[in-house]
């Protein structure tokens, strides 16, 4: 599988902080209407990955999944996980902090990645 996700230095720093506090973590990017650009961060095992979810790769040792329907929309992009000021989603481990994760994207120049 080719990695279709990357992270900024700020995101990798926050990932390290969360891993030190919670142990292994994972991300899920849904296509929800409200926080669609905010990936949800969970302790591994606290979120059940669906059979149709696509693993985009790993950032800082944390796997990143996306819903299949959202993957169909974003399959021509690389997702870049960043950190911005604000509060995270209600169930995300970054909630209650002064910063939150945010998904940015850039168009891939290569053919779309295969789901996997």
N, C-alpha and C. Protein backbone atom coordinates (compact mmCIF):
# COMPACT_ATOMS: atom_id res chain seq x y z
N UNK A 1 0.84 -1.18 0.00
CA UNK A 1 0.00 0.00 0.00
C UNK A 1 0.88 1.24 0.00
N UNK A 2 0.56 2.18 -0.85
CA UNK A 2 1.27 3.45 -0.88
C UNK A 2 0.63 4.38 0.13
N UNK A 3 1.45 5.12 0.88
CA UNK A 3 0.93 6.03 1.89
C UNK A 3 0.28 7.22 1.19
N UNK A 4 -0.98 7.46 1.48
CA UNK A 4 -1.73 8.56 0.88
C UNK A 4 -2.05 9.62 1.92
N UNK A 5 -1.30 9.61 3.02
CA UNK A 5 -1.52 10.57 4.10
C UNK A 5 -0.16 10.97 4.66
N UNK A 6 -0.06 12.22 5.05
CA UNK A 6 1.16 12.72 5.69
C UNK A 6 0.74 13.63 6.83
N UNK A 7 1.72 14.10 7.60
CA UNK A 7 1.43 14.96 8.74
C UNK A 7 2.46 16.06 8.83
N UNK A 8 2.03 17.20 9.30
CA UNK A 8 2.95 18.31 9.54
C UNK A 8 3.74 18.02 10.82
N UNK A 9 4.80 18.78 11.03
CA UNK A 9 5.59 18.63 12.25
C UNK A 9 4.72 18.88 13.49
N UNK A 10 3.84 19.87 13.42
CA UNK A 10 2.96 20.16 14.56
C UNK A 10 2.04 18.99 14.86
N UNK A 11 1.51 18.36 13.81
CA UNK A 11 0.65 17.19 14.00
C UNK A 11 1.43 16.03 14.60
N UNK A 12 2.64 15.81 14.12
CA UNK A 12 3.46 14.72 14.67
C UNK A 12 3.79 14.97 16.14
N UNK A 13 4.00 16.23 16.53
CA UNK A 13 4.24 16.55 17.94
C UNK A 13 3.01 16.21 18.78
N UNK A 14 1.83 16.60 18.31
CA UNK A 14 0.60 16.31 19.06
C UNK A 14 0.34 14.81 19.11
N UNK A 15 0.62 14.11 18.02
CA UNK A 15 0.46 12.65 18.01
C UNK A 15 1.35 12.03 19.07
N UNK A 16 2.60 12.47 19.16
CA UNK A 16 3.51 11.95 20.19
C UNK A 16 3.01 12.21 21.60
N UNK A 17 2.46 13.40 21.83
CA UNK A 17 1.90 13.74 23.14
C UNK A 17 0.73 12.82 23.48
N UNK A 18 -0.16 12.62 22.51
CA UNK A 18 -1.33 11.76 22.75
C UNK A 18 -0.92 10.30 22.94
N UNK A 19 0.07 9.84 22.19
CA UNK A 19 0.54 8.46 22.36
C UNK A 19 1.16 8.27 23.74
N UNK A 20 1.88 9.27 24.24
CA UNK A 20 2.47 9.17 25.58
C UNK A 20 1.38 9.11 26.64
N UNK A 21 0.27 9.77 26.38
CA UNK A 21 -0.83 9.82 27.35
C UNK A 21 -1.77 8.62 27.23
N UNK A 22 -2.07 8.18 26.00
CA UNK A 22 -3.10 7.16 25.78
C UNK A 22 -2.58 5.84 25.23
N UNK A 23 -1.32 5.76 24.83
CA UNK A 23 -0.81 4.58 24.16
C UNK A 23 -1.09 4.67 22.68
N UNK A 24 -1.16 3.54 21.98
CA UNK A 24 -1.38 3.56 20.53
C UNK A 24 -2.69 4.26 20.17
N UNK A 25 -2.63 5.08 19.12
CA UNK A 25 -3.82 5.81 18.67
C UNK A 25 -4.06 5.53 17.20
N UNK A 26 -5.23 5.95 16.71
CA UNK A 26 -5.58 5.84 15.30
C UNK A 26 -6.47 7.01 14.94
N UNK A 27 -6.59 7.24 13.63
CA UNK A 27 -7.43 8.31 13.12
C UNK A 27 -8.50 7.74 12.20
N UNK A 28 -9.64 8.43 12.17
CA UNK A 28 -10.69 8.11 11.20
C UNK A 28 -11.21 9.42 10.62
N UNK A 29 -11.19 9.50 9.30
CA UNK A 29 -11.71 10.67 8.59
C UNK A 29 -13.06 10.30 8.00
N UNK A 30 -14.12 10.86 8.53
CA UNK A 30 -15.44 10.55 8.00
C UNK A 30 -15.86 11.62 7.02
N UNK A 31 -16.97 11.40 6.40
CA UNK A 31 -17.52 12.38 5.47
C UNK A 31 -18.65 13.15 6.11
N UNK A 32 -18.65 13.25 7.42
CA UNK A 32 -19.73 13.92 8.14
C UNK A 32 -19.91 15.37 7.72
N UNK A 33 -21.10 15.87 7.94
CA UNK A 33 -21.42 17.23 7.50
C UNK A 33 -20.81 18.30 8.39
N UNK A 34 -20.59 18.00 9.65
CA UNK A 34 -20.18 19.05 10.59
C UNK A 34 -18.67 19.17 10.72
N UNK A 35 -17.99 18.09 10.98
CA UNK A 35 -16.55 18.12 11.19
C UNK A 35 -15.83 17.35 10.11
N UNK A 36 -16.29 17.44 8.86
CA UNK A 36 -15.72 16.66 7.77
C UNK A 36 -14.25 16.92 7.52
N UNK A 37 -13.75 18.09 7.92
CA UNK A 37 -12.33 18.36 7.71
C UNK A 37 -11.51 18.08 8.96
N UNK A 38 -12.15 17.56 10.00
CA UNK A 38 -11.45 17.25 11.25
C UNK A 38 -11.39 15.74 11.44
N UNK A 39 -10.21 15.17 11.32
CA UNK A 39 -10.12 13.73 11.56
C UNK A 39 -10.33 13.45 13.05
N UNK A 40 -11.00 12.39 13.34
CA UNK A 40 -11.22 11.99 14.73
C UNK A 40 -10.05 11.11 15.16
N UNK A 41 -9.53 11.36 16.35
CA UNK A 41 -8.40 10.63 16.90
C UNK A 41 -8.90 9.79 18.07
N UNK A 42 -8.60 8.51 18.06
CA UNK A 42 -9.05 7.58 19.10
C UNK A 42 -7.89 6.75 19.62
N UNK A 43 -8.01 6.29 20.86
CA UNK A 43 -7.11 5.25 21.34
C UNK A 43 -7.44 4.00 20.51
N UNK A 44 -6.41 3.26 20.09
CA UNK A 44 -6.69 2.06 19.30
C UNK A 44 -7.57 1.13 20.12
N UNK A 45 -8.60 0.62 19.47
CA UNK A 45 -9.57 -0.25 20.12
C UNK A 45 -10.82 0.47 20.56
N UNK A 46 -10.79 1.82 20.60
CA UNK A 46 -11.98 2.58 21.01
C UNK A 46 -12.90 2.89 19.84
N UNK A 47 -12.46 2.63 18.63
CA UNK A 47 -13.26 2.86 17.43
C UNK A 47 -13.19 1.60 16.58
N UNK A 48 -14.33 1.11 16.16
CA UNK A 48 -14.35 -0.09 15.33
C UNK A 48 -14.31 0.34 13.86
N UNK A 49 -13.26 -0.06 13.17
CA UNK A 49 -13.10 0.25 11.76
C UNK A 49 -14.05 -0.65 10.98
N UNK A 50 -14.82 -0.04 10.07
CA UNK A 50 -15.79 -0.79 9.28
C UNK A 50 -15.14 -1.56 8.15
N UNK A 51 -15.84 -2.57 7.67
CA UNK A 51 -15.34 -3.39 6.56
C UNK A 51 -15.11 -2.56 5.30
N UNK A 52 -15.83 -1.49 5.14
CA UNK A 52 -15.71 -0.65 3.94
C UNK A 52 -14.73 0.51 4.12
N UNK A 53 -14.19 0.70 5.32
CA UNK A 53 -13.24 1.78 5.54
C UNK A 53 -11.92 1.46 4.85
N UNK A 54 -11.23 2.51 4.41
CA UNK A 54 -9.98 2.38 3.66
C UNK A 54 -8.84 2.90 4.53
N UNK A 55 -7.76 2.12 4.64
CA UNK A 55 -6.58 2.58 5.37
C UNK A 55 -5.70 3.34 4.38
N UNK A 56 -5.46 4.63 4.70
CA UNK A 56 -4.65 5.48 3.82
C UNK A 56 -3.17 5.37 4.09
N UNK A 57 -2.80 4.85 5.25
CA UNK A 57 -1.40 4.76 5.65
C UNK A 57 -1.26 5.09 7.12
N UNK A 58 -0.07 5.48 7.52
CA UNK A 58 0.21 5.81 8.91
C UNK A 58 0.93 7.15 9.01
N UNK A 59 0.68 7.84 10.11
CA UNK A 59 1.41 9.05 10.45
C UNK A 59 1.86 8.92 11.90
N UNK A 60 3.14 9.08 12.14
CA UNK A 60 3.64 8.96 13.50
C UNK A 60 3.34 7.61 14.13
N UNK A 61 3.23 6.57 13.32
CA UNK A 61 2.91 5.24 13.82
C UNK A 61 1.42 5.00 14.04
N UNK A 62 0.57 5.98 13.72
CA UNK A 62 -0.87 5.85 13.91
C UNK A 62 -1.56 5.62 12.56
N UNK A 63 -2.32 4.54 12.42
CA UNK A 63 -3.03 4.31 11.16
C UNK A 63 -4.12 5.36 10.95
N UNK A 64 -4.35 5.67 9.66
CA UNK A 64 -5.37 6.65 9.29
C UNK A 64 -6.36 5.97 8.34
N UNK A 65 -7.63 5.96 8.73
CA UNK A 65 -8.70 5.35 7.94
C UNK A 65 -9.65 6.42 7.43
N UNK A 66 -10.34 6.10 6.36
CA UNK A 66 -11.35 7.00 5.80
C UNK A 66 -12.53 6.15 5.36
N UNK A 67 -13.73 6.70 5.46
CA UNK A 67 -14.91 5.96 5.01
C UNK A 67 -14.81 5.75 3.50
N UNK A 68 -15.34 4.64 3.03
CA UNK A 68 -15.24 4.31 1.60
C UNK A 68 -15.90 5.38 0.74
N UNK A 69 -17.03 5.90 1.17
CA UNK A 69 -17.71 6.93 0.38
C UNK A 69 -16.89 8.20 0.30
N UNK A 70 -16.22 8.56 1.39
CA UNK A 70 -15.36 9.74 1.38
C UNK A 70 -14.10 9.48 0.56
N UNK A 71 -13.59 8.25 0.62
CA UNK A 71 -12.43 7.90 -0.20
C UNK A 71 -12.73 8.09 -1.68
N UNK A 72 -13.94 7.71 -2.11
CA UNK A 72 -14.30 7.88 -3.51
C UNK A 72 -14.22 9.34 -3.95
N UNK A 73 -14.53 10.25 -3.04
CA UNK A 73 -14.46 11.68 -3.34
C UNK A 73 -13.02 12.19 -3.32
N UNK A 74 -12.20 11.67 -2.39
CA UNK A 74 -10.85 12.19 -2.17
C UNK A 74 -9.74 11.28 -2.71
N UNK A 75 -10.07 10.28 -3.52
CA UNK A 75 -9.06 9.31 -3.94
C UNK A 75 -7.95 9.91 -4.79
N UNK A 76 -8.14 11.09 -5.33
CA UNK A 76 -7.11 11.74 -6.14
C UNK A 76 -6.28 12.73 -5.33
N UNK A 77 -6.39 12.67 -4.02
CA UNK A 77 -5.68 13.63 -3.18
C UNK A 77 -4.80 12.92 -2.16
N UNK A 78 -3.81 13.66 -1.68
CA UNK A 78 -3.05 13.24 -0.50
C UNK A 78 -3.61 14.05 0.65
N UNK A 79 -3.95 13.36 1.73
CA UNK A 79 -4.43 14.07 2.92
C UNK A 79 -3.24 14.45 3.78
N UNK A 80 -3.25 15.65 4.28
CA UNK A 80 -2.19 16.16 5.14
C UNK A 80 -2.83 16.52 6.48
N UNK A 81 -2.45 15.81 7.52
CA UNK A 81 -3.01 16.08 8.85
C UNK A 81 -2.17 17.19 9.48
N UNK A 82 -2.86 18.24 9.89
CA UNK A 82 -2.22 19.41 10.47
C UNK A 82 -2.85 19.70 11.83
N UNK A 83 -2.34 20.71 12.50
CA UNK A 83 -2.87 21.16 13.78
C UNK A 83 -3.16 22.65 13.67
N UNK A 84 -4.33 23.04 14.16
CA UNK A 84 -4.73 24.45 14.16
C UNK A 84 -5.30 24.79 15.53
N UNK A 85 -5.38 26.07 15.87
CA UNK A 85 -6.00 26.46 17.15
C UNK A 85 -7.47 26.06 17.18
N UNK A 86 -7.95 25.70 18.36
CA UNK A 86 -9.35 25.35 18.52
C UNK A 86 -9.53 24.04 19.26
N UNK A 87 -10.77 23.64 19.42
CA UNK A 87 -11.11 22.40 20.13
C UNK A 87 -11.42 21.30 19.13
N UNK A 88 -11.03 20.08 19.49
CA UNK A 88 -11.29 18.91 18.65
C UNK A 88 -12.73 18.46 18.77
N UNK A 89 -13.08 17.44 17.98
CA UNK A 89 -14.43 16.87 18.03
C UNK A 89 -14.73 16.26 19.38
N UNK A 90 -16.00 16.14 19.69
CA UNK A 90 -16.45 15.70 21.00
C UNK A 90 -15.81 14.39 21.45
N UNK A 91 -15.66 13.44 20.55
CA UNK A 91 -15.14 12.13 20.93
C UNK A 91 -13.67 11.94 20.56
N UNK A 92 -13.03 12.97 20.04
CA UNK A 92 -11.65 12.89 19.61
C UNK A 92 -10.71 13.18 20.78
N UNK A 93 -9.57 12.48 20.82
CA UNK A 93 -8.61 12.65 21.92
C UNK A 93 -8.03 14.06 21.98
N UNK A 94 -8.12 14.81 20.89
CA UNK A 94 -7.61 16.18 20.93
C UNK A 94 -8.62 17.16 21.52
N UNK A 95 -9.80 16.70 21.90
CA UNK A 95 -10.81 17.56 22.51
C UNK A 95 -10.31 18.08 23.87
N UNK A 96 -10.61 19.32 24.18
CA UNK A 96 -10.22 19.89 25.46
C UNK A 96 -8.84 20.51 25.45
N UNK A 97 -8.16 20.46 24.34
CA UNK A 97 -6.83 21.07 24.21
C UNK A 97 -7.00 22.41 23.50
N UNK A 98 -5.95 23.17 23.42
CA UNK A 98 -6.02 24.45 22.74
C UNK A 98 -5.80 24.34 21.25
N UNK A 99 -5.52 23.13 20.77
CA UNK A 99 -5.32 22.87 19.35
C UNK A 99 -6.11 21.63 18.96
N UNK A 100 -6.34 21.50 17.65
CA UNK A 100 -7.06 20.33 17.14
C UNK A 100 -6.47 19.93 15.81
N UNK A 101 -6.72 18.68 15.42
CA UNK A 101 -6.28 18.19 14.12
C UNK A 101 -7.19 18.75 13.03
N UNK A 102 -6.62 18.96 11.86
CA UNK A 102 -7.37 19.43 10.69
C UNK A 102 -6.80 18.72 9.47
N UNK A 103 -7.66 18.31 8.57
CA UNK A 103 -7.22 17.66 7.33
C UNK A 103 -7.15 18.68 6.21
N UNK A 104 -5.99 18.74 5.59
CA UNK A 104 -5.79 19.53 4.38
C UNK A 104 -5.56 18.52 3.25
N UNK A 105 -5.59 18.97 2.02
CA UNK A 105 -5.36 18.03 0.92
C UNK A 105 -4.65 18.70 -0.23
N UNK A 106 -3.98 17.87 -1.02
CA UNK A 106 -3.40 18.34 -2.27
C UNK A 106 -3.65 17.27 -3.31
N UNK A 107 -3.82 17.69 -4.53
CA UNK A 107 -4.12 16.77 -5.63
C UNK A 107 -2.88 15.95 -5.94
N UNK A 108 -3.08 14.65 -6.12
CA UNK A 108 -1.99 13.75 -6.48
C UNK A 108 -1.74 13.86 -7.98
N UNK A 109 -0.47 13.79 -8.36
CA UNK A 109 -0.13 13.84 -9.78
C UNK A 109 -0.12 12.44 -10.40
N UNK A 110 0.01 11.43 -9.57
CA UNK A 110 0.01 10.04 -10.04
C UNK A 110 -1.45 9.56 -10.14
N UNK A 111 -1.69 8.43 -10.79
CA UNK A 111 -3.04 7.87 -10.84
C UNK A 111 -3.57 7.63 -9.44
N UNK A 112 -4.89 7.53 -9.28
CA UNK A 112 -5.46 7.31 -7.94
C UNK A 112 -4.89 6.05 -7.30
N UNK A 113 -4.80 6.09 -6.00
CA UNK A 113 -4.30 4.96 -5.23
C UNK A 113 -5.37 3.88 -5.17
N UNK A 114 -4.94 2.66 -5.07
CA UNK A 114 -5.88 1.55 -4.93
C UNK A 114 -6.34 1.49 -3.49
N UNK A 115 -7.63 1.24 -3.30
CA UNK A 115 -8.16 1.08 -1.94
C UNK A 115 -7.55 -0.17 -1.33
N UNK A 116 -7.27 -0.09 -0.04
CA UNK A 116 -6.67 -1.26 0.60
C UNK A 116 -6.74 -1.21 2.06
